[in-house]
Each structure stands twice: as C-alpha cells, then as structure tokens.
Protein backbone atom coordinates (compact mmCIF):
# COMPACT_ATOMS: atom_id res chain seq x y z
CA MET A 1 46.43 17.87 9.74
CA GLY A 2 44.98 19.40 12.91
CA LEU A 3 41.30 18.99 13.70
CA THR A 4 40.19 22.57 13.08
CA PHE A 5 38.02 22.05 10.00
CA LEU A 6 37.07 18.40 10.09
CA ARG A 7 33.38 17.63 9.78
CA LYS A 8 31.44 17.38 13.04
CA GLU A 9 31.35 13.56 12.91
CA PHE A 10 35.15 13.51 13.37
CA ASN A 11 35.22 15.80 16.40
CA ASP A 12 35.16 12.85 18.81
CA VAL A 13 38.54 11.55 17.59
CA PRO A 14 40.59 10.91 20.77
CA ARG A 15 43.14 13.67 21.13
CA LYS A 16 45.32 15.53 23.59
CA VAL A 17 45.82 19.26 23.01
CA ARG A 18 48.25 21.76 24.55
CA GLU A 19 48.49 25.45 23.66
CA VAL A 20 52.01 26.89 23.92
CA SER A 21 53.16 30.34 22.71
CA GLY A 22 50.75 30.52 19.79
CA PHE A 23 51.30 26.88 18.81
CA SER A 24 48.60 24.25 19.19
CA LEU A 25 50.23 20.86 19.86
CA VAL A 26 47.90 17.92 19.25
CA GLU A 27 48.27 14.15 19.57
CA PHE A 28 45.37 12.23 18.06
CA ASN A 29 44.25 8.73 17.11
CA TYR A 30 42.12 7.92 14.08
CA PRO A 31 40.44 4.50 13.78
CA PRO A 32 41.11 2.21 10.79
CA ASN A 33 39.70 2.85 7.31
CA VAL A 34 38.25 6.27 8.09
CA GLU A 35 37.71 8.68 5.19
CA ILE A 36 38.29 12.31 6.18
CA PRO A 37 36.71 14.49 3.49
CA ALA A 38 38.31 17.48 1.78
CA HIS A 39 39.01 20.25 4.28
CA ALA A 40 41.39 23.14 4.90
CA HIS A 41 43.08 24.69 7.93
CA GLU A 42 43.26 28.34 8.88
CA GLN A 43 46.75 27.89 10.27
CA ALA A 44 49.89 26.36 8.84
CA ASN A 45 50.49 22.90 10.17
CA PHE A 46 53.19 20.30 10.78
CA CYS A 47 52.12 16.69 11.20
CA MET A 48 54.02 13.43 11.71
CA ALA A 49 52.59 9.92 11.75
CA ILE A 50 53.81 8.00 14.80
CA GLU A 51 51.99 4.69 14.30
CA GLY A 52 49.92 3.41 11.40
CA GLY A 53 49.34 5.83 8.56
CA CYS A 54 47.05 7.16 5.87
CA VAL A 55 46.84 8.17 2.24
CA GLU A 56 46.46 11.89 1.54
CA LEU A 57 45.04 13.52 -1.57
CA TYR A 58 46.63 16.96 -1.94
CA GLY A 59 45.81 18.69 -5.21
CA SER A 60 46.70 16.18 -7.92
CA LYS A 61 49.17 14.35 -5.66
CA VAL A 62 48.57 11.15 -3.73
CA ARG A 63 50.90 11.13 -0.71
CA GLU A 64 51.40 8.20 1.64
CA TYR A 65 51.99 8.61 5.35
CA LYS A 66 54.02 5.95 7.12
CA PRO A 67 55.51 6.19 10.62
CA PHE A 68 57.88 9.17 10.77
CA THR A 69 56.66 10.68 7.54
CA LEU A 70 56.34 14.43 8.05
CA ASP A 71 54.12 16.96 6.34
CA PHE A 72 54.11 20.77 6.32
CA LEU A 73 50.87 22.26 5.05
CA PRO A 74 50.53 26.04 4.52
CA PRO A 75 47.26 27.68 5.60
CA HIS A 76 44.09 27.33 3.51
CA GLN A 77 45.37 24.33 1.55
CA THR A 78 42.72 21.68 0.84
CA HIS A 79 43.41 17.99 1.32
CA SER A 80 41.59 14.77 2.20
CA LEU A 81 42.73 11.62 4.03
CA LYS A 82 41.93 7.93 4.38
CA THR A 83 43.48 6.04 7.27
CA SER A 84 45.09 2.64 6.83
CA THR A 85 43.72 -0.67 8.11
CA GLY A 86 45.70 -0.11 11.31
CA GLY A 87 44.41 3.42 11.90
CA MET A 88 46.83 6.23 12.66
CA ARG A 89 48.37 7.90 15.70
CA ALA A 90 49.91 11.24 14.84
CA PHE A 91 51.32 14.42 16.34
CA SER A 92 50.61 17.81 14.81
CA ILE A 93 51.44 21.46 15.42
CA ASP A 94 49.23 24.34 14.29
CA ILE A 95 51.23 27.54 13.79
CA ALA A 96 49.73 30.95 14.58
CA PRO A 97 49.95 33.53 11.73
CA GLN A 98 52.43 35.81 13.53
CA TRP A 99 55.12 33.13 13.34
CA LEU A 100 54.72 32.82 9.56
CA TRP A 101 54.92 36.60 9.25
CA ARG A 102 58.28 36.53 11.00
CA MET A 103 59.51 33.93 8.51
CA ARG A 104 58.33 36.02 5.55
CA GLU A 105 60.03 39.09 6.99
CA CYS A 106 63.27 37.10 6.67
CA SER A 107 62.37 36.22 3.03
CA LEU A 108 61.97 32.51 3.90
CA ASN A 109 59.70 30.35 1.76
CA VAL A 110 56.85 28.97 3.88
CA GLU A 111 54.26 28.98 1.08
CA ASP A 112 54.83 25.46 -0.29
CA SER A 113 53.79 22.14 1.17
CA VAL A 114 56.57 19.71 2.11
CA HIS A 115 56.00 15.95 2.43
CA CYS A 116 59.15 14.07 3.38
CA ARG A 117 61.19 11.88 5.70
CA ASP A 118 63.87 14.53 6.14
CA ASP A 119 65.97 13.51 9.14
CA ALA A 120 66.61 17.07 10.36
CA LEU A 121 62.90 17.93 10.37
CA ILE A 122 61.88 14.63 11.94
CA GLN A 123 64.39 14.95 14.78
CA LEU A 124 63.18 18.48 15.53
CA LEU A 125 59.55 17.31 15.61
CA ILE A 126 60.47 14.41 17.89
CA LYS A 127 62.05 16.93 20.28
CA LEU A 128 58.84 18.97 20.14
CA TYR A 129 56.85 15.83 20.94
CA HIS A 130 59.13 15.26 23.92
CA GLU A 131 58.37 18.82 25.13
CA PHE A 132 54.66 18.15 24.58
CA GLN A 133 54.87 15.15 26.90
CA ASN A 134 56.95 16.92 29.55
CA LEU A 135 55.87 20.55 29.73
CA ASP A 136 57.57 22.78 32.31
CA GLU A 137 58.35 26.47 32.77
CA ALA A 138 61.04 26.34 30.06
CA SER A 139 58.80 24.65 27.48
CA PRO A 140 57.38 27.81 25.82
CA LEU A 141 60.86 29.01 24.92
CA SER A 142 61.90 25.55 23.75
CA VAL A 143 58.75 25.09 21.64
CA GLU A 144 59.23 28.49 19.99
CA GLY A 145 62.85 27.74 19.13
CA LEU A 146 62.19 24.26 17.77
CA ALA A 147 59.20 25.37 15.69
CA MET A 148 61.15 28.30 14.22
CA GLU A 149 64.00 25.95 13.35
CA MET A 150 61.54 23.61 11.63
CA LEU A 151 60.11 26.46 9.55
CA ALA A 152 63.65 27.47 8.58
CA GLU A 153 64.35 23.85 7.54
CA VAL A 154 61.19 23.87 5.39
CA SER A 155 62.54 26.91 3.54
CA ARG A 156 65.98 25.31 3.16
CA SER A 157 64.50 22.03 1.96
CA ARG A 158 62.68 23.82 -0.86
CA ILE A 159 65.94 25.50 -1.93
CA ARG A 160 67.85 22.20 -1.79
CA GLU A 161 65.11 20.41 -3.69
CA LEU A 162 65.10 22.92 -6.55
CA SER A 163 68.82 23.50 -6.93
CA PRO A 164 70.63 20.16 -7.49
CA PRO A 165 70.88 18.72 -11.03
CA SER A 166 68.83 15.62 -11.77
CA TRP A 167 71.84 13.27 -11.72
CA LEU A 168 72.75 14.47 -8.21
CA ARG A 169 69.20 13.96 -6.96
CA LYS A 170 69.34 10.46 -8.45
CA ALA A 171 72.63 9.78 -6.64
CA ARG A 172 71.06 10.97 -3.39
CA ASP A 173 68.07 8.68 -3.96
CA ILE A 174 70.37 5.71 -4.61
CA ILE A 175 72.03 6.32 -1.26
CA ARG A 176 68.69 6.65 0.51
CA GLN A 177 67.42 3.42 -1.01
CA GLN A 178 70.63 1.40 -0.59
CA PHE A 179 72.20 3.02 2.49
CA SER A 180 72.80 -0.33 4.19
CA LEU A 181 75.05 -1.53 1.35
CA ASP A 182 78.77 -0.82 1.08
CA LEU A 183 78.49 1.50 -1.93
CA SER A 184 81.56 3.21 -3.39
CA LEU A 185 81.68 6.68 -4.89
CA GLU A 186 82.73 5.13 -8.20
CA GLU A 187 79.72 2.79 -8.26
CA ILE A 188 77.26 5.60 -7.60
CA ALA A 189 78.95 7.86 -10.16
CA ARG A 190 78.80 5.11 -12.76
CA GLU A 191 75.09 4.59 -12.04
CA VAL A 192 74.28 8.29 -12.62
CA ARG A 193 76.78 8.59 -15.51
CA VAL A 194 79.06 11.29 -14.15
CA HIS A 195 82.70 11.37 -13.12
CA PRO A 196 83.35 10.56 -9.42
CA VAL A 197 84.99 13.96 -9.00
CA SER A 198 81.83 15.68 -10.28
CA LEU A 199 79.75 13.62 -7.88
CA ALA A 200 81.98 14.52 -4.93
CA ARG A 201 81.87 18.20 -5.83
CA GLY A 202 78.10 18.10 -6.29
CA PHE A 203 77.53 16.69 -2.81
CA ARG A 204 79.74 19.31 -1.19
CA LYS A 205 78.10 22.14 -3.14
CA HIS A 206 74.43 21.22 -2.71
CA TYR A 207 74.31 19.07 0.42
CA HIS A 208 77.27 20.61 2.27
CA CYS A 209 78.87 17.26 3.05
CA THR A 210 80.73 14.41 1.36
CA ALA A 211 78.87 11.42 -0.06
CA GLY A 212 80.31 9.32 2.77
CA GLU A 213 79.02 11.75 5.40
CA TYR A 214 75.62 11.68 3.72
CA VAL A 215 75.56 7.86 3.89
CA ARG A 216 76.37 7.98 7.61
CA SER A 217 73.67 10.58 8.17
CA VAL A 218 71.04 8.47 6.39
CA ARG A 219 72.09 5.36 8.34
CA ILE A 220 71.85 7.19 11.66
CA GLY A 221 68.50 8.69 10.67
CA TYR A 222 67.19 5.21 9.92
CA ALA A 223 68.51 3.95 13.25
CA CYS A 224 66.83 6.83 15.12
CA ARG A 225 63.46 6.01 13.59
CA GLU A 226 63.84 2.29 14.30
CA MET A 227 64.85 2.86 17.93
CA ILE A 228 61.76 4.96 18.54
CA ALA A 229 59.29 2.96 16.48
CA ALA A 230 60.09 -0.50 17.91
CA LYS A 231 61.95 -2.35 20.63
CA THR A 232 64.31 -4.02 18.17
CA PRO A 233 67.69 -4.85 19.77
CA LEU A 234 70.38 -2.29 19.02
CA ALA A 235 72.64 -4.92 17.43
CA GLU A 236 69.93 -5.75 14.88
CA ILE A 237 69.34 -2.08 14.12
CA ALA A 238 73.08 -1.52 13.65
CA SER A 239 73.30 -4.41 11.20
CA ALA A 240 70.21 -3.34 9.25
CA ALA A 241 71.60 0.20 8.99
CA GLY A 242 74.80 -1.08 7.40
CA PHE A 243 77.28 -0.85 10.28
CA SER A 244 79.89 -3.58 10.55
CA ASP A 245 79.27 -4.07 14.28
CA GLN A 246 77.49 -2.47 17.21
CA SER A 247 80.59 -0.72 18.55
CA HIS A 248 81.10 1.04 15.20
CA PHE A 249 77.43 2.02 15.25
CA THR A 250 77.68 3.37 18.81
CA ARG A 251 80.81 5.44 18.05
CA THR A 252 79.27 6.97 14.91
CA PHE A 253 75.94 7.61 16.62
CA LYS A 254 77.55 9.36 19.58
CA ARG A 255 79.72 11.50 17.30
CA LEU A 256 76.69 12.69 15.30
CA LYS A 257 74.06 12.86 18.04
CA GLY A 258 76.10 13.60 21.15
CA MET A 259 74.71 10.60 23.04
CA THR A 260 74.75 6.81 22.84
CA PRO A 261 71.96 4.89 21.06
CA ALA A 262 70.68 3.64 24.42
CA GLU A 263 70.53 7.19 25.79
CA TYR A 264 68.72 8.37 22.66
CA ARG A 265 66.14 5.59 22.87
CA ALA A 266 65.46 6.40 26.52
CA LYS A 267 65.18 10.15 25.88
CA PHE A 268 62.86 9.99 22.88
CA ASP A 269 60.82 6.91 23.73
CA LEU A 270 57.35 7.73 22.40
CA GLY A 271 55.77 5.14 24.64
C-alpha cells in the first residue's frame, strides 16, 4: 500500500520516506473517509496499520485493516481502499525486484497476498519501524535481514495455511478467539470433535509447538500489540490476556521475548 500508483489527488498525503538497501520505507497518514481508487504497485509491498484503519477490496475479497493488521501484496496486484472515520496511520515497505528474485531462487512462495495478524510477522515489522525511526550506519544491514525474514515468514505462512486439516485450523481459531480463557485440551478437542491425543499431535506436527505453548504465544502477541497501541497499565493488559497475575505475565513475557514488558514497551513505543 505504498503511494507509487495512487492518483495525483492523493499525492499530498502526509508521509515520511526513507530509502534503504533497495527498500522504500514509508510512514503515511490518510484522512477519514477517503476512497482510494483501484491501483497497482510495481513493487511487492508490506503494510501495517498503526492507528485507525481501512477497508480493502482485493479481487473478490473484502479485507479489513485494524491496528496491527499486516498485509503482503505481490507486485502488479490491483486493490482499492476506503479509510475509516478515524483515518489511518500506516507503515509500509516497498521491496525492490532483486530481493524477490533471491526468494524465488530459494523456491520460496512470494506470489500470493497475505492478510493477517500473524505475531511473528508483526513483531518483525515493528522492529523495521523502529529502525526506520532510528537510522544509523548499521540500519541497512538490519533492514535487509528483517525484510528477508519477513519474506521467508510469508512463504512459511502459506505452507502452514494450506497444510493443516480443517479441524486443526478450527482449534487454532478457537484459541485465537478465546485465548484469555482457561481452556483445556479436552474442551478444545471436544469442540472440534477429535481425540485430545490427535489434537496434541496435530499442533506439534503443523505448528511445531504444544497447544499450551500456542496459547501462551497468542497471549503474549496480544499483550505486545496492546502495549504499543495504548498506555493501558500492564496489570490490566496481563489480566485481559488471561494471566493470573502480573508477575506470571512478566515471567512468561521475559522467557518468550528476552525482556520485561516495561522494557518492550519502551523499546517499541511508536509514539
């Protein structure tokens, strides 16, 4: 969702642009209720809504952007947008063709659009945004590495999305929707009509973790987004994420992220 092919009347959208190692990093603000007509982009593109949002028409799909919704759009794909009543602040990365060629040389799939709230992709893009705000002599190398890792995650996400059976995807969705509740493996298995052992095996095979580890990952991902998006007290975030108390939240967060929640909020404060 870069600005390359928008009509001329949208060229005055406030934006900040930095060019790094063949990547164009752009932060931009769209006003409320703006219709951006059908357009395409020469380069592949990552985009994440930071504040506000929009509705996107992509092919026959209607896709909604909320804060920390991420999109990967391959080159020459047509889409149109309409911003919400609150407008939209977003961060995008245009990817030069040579980087996609390197991915294809490794037989990675970068031909399909991805629209998601995948925690791994979001955290990588947040790190890129942090580099964008604080460029130094090491930034080109860091930007290259983070962007390559994001493209690899796009390829992996397509494989993961296509491989699991429908009942396992349903179990994953139950966890995503009810992550703050104290769900048991038996309850989830009963909901998707499989044996708990089959559910446990399915998670390890397709998601490379246990169901319990997946729950913790989703909870921490939610907490990361909340800490960046608002100034909500950490105790409230811990409770909303499903942790019994703030100390449990802090221990789990530090084990998974390598820093305390307070350190994370300070490091990735989007201001």
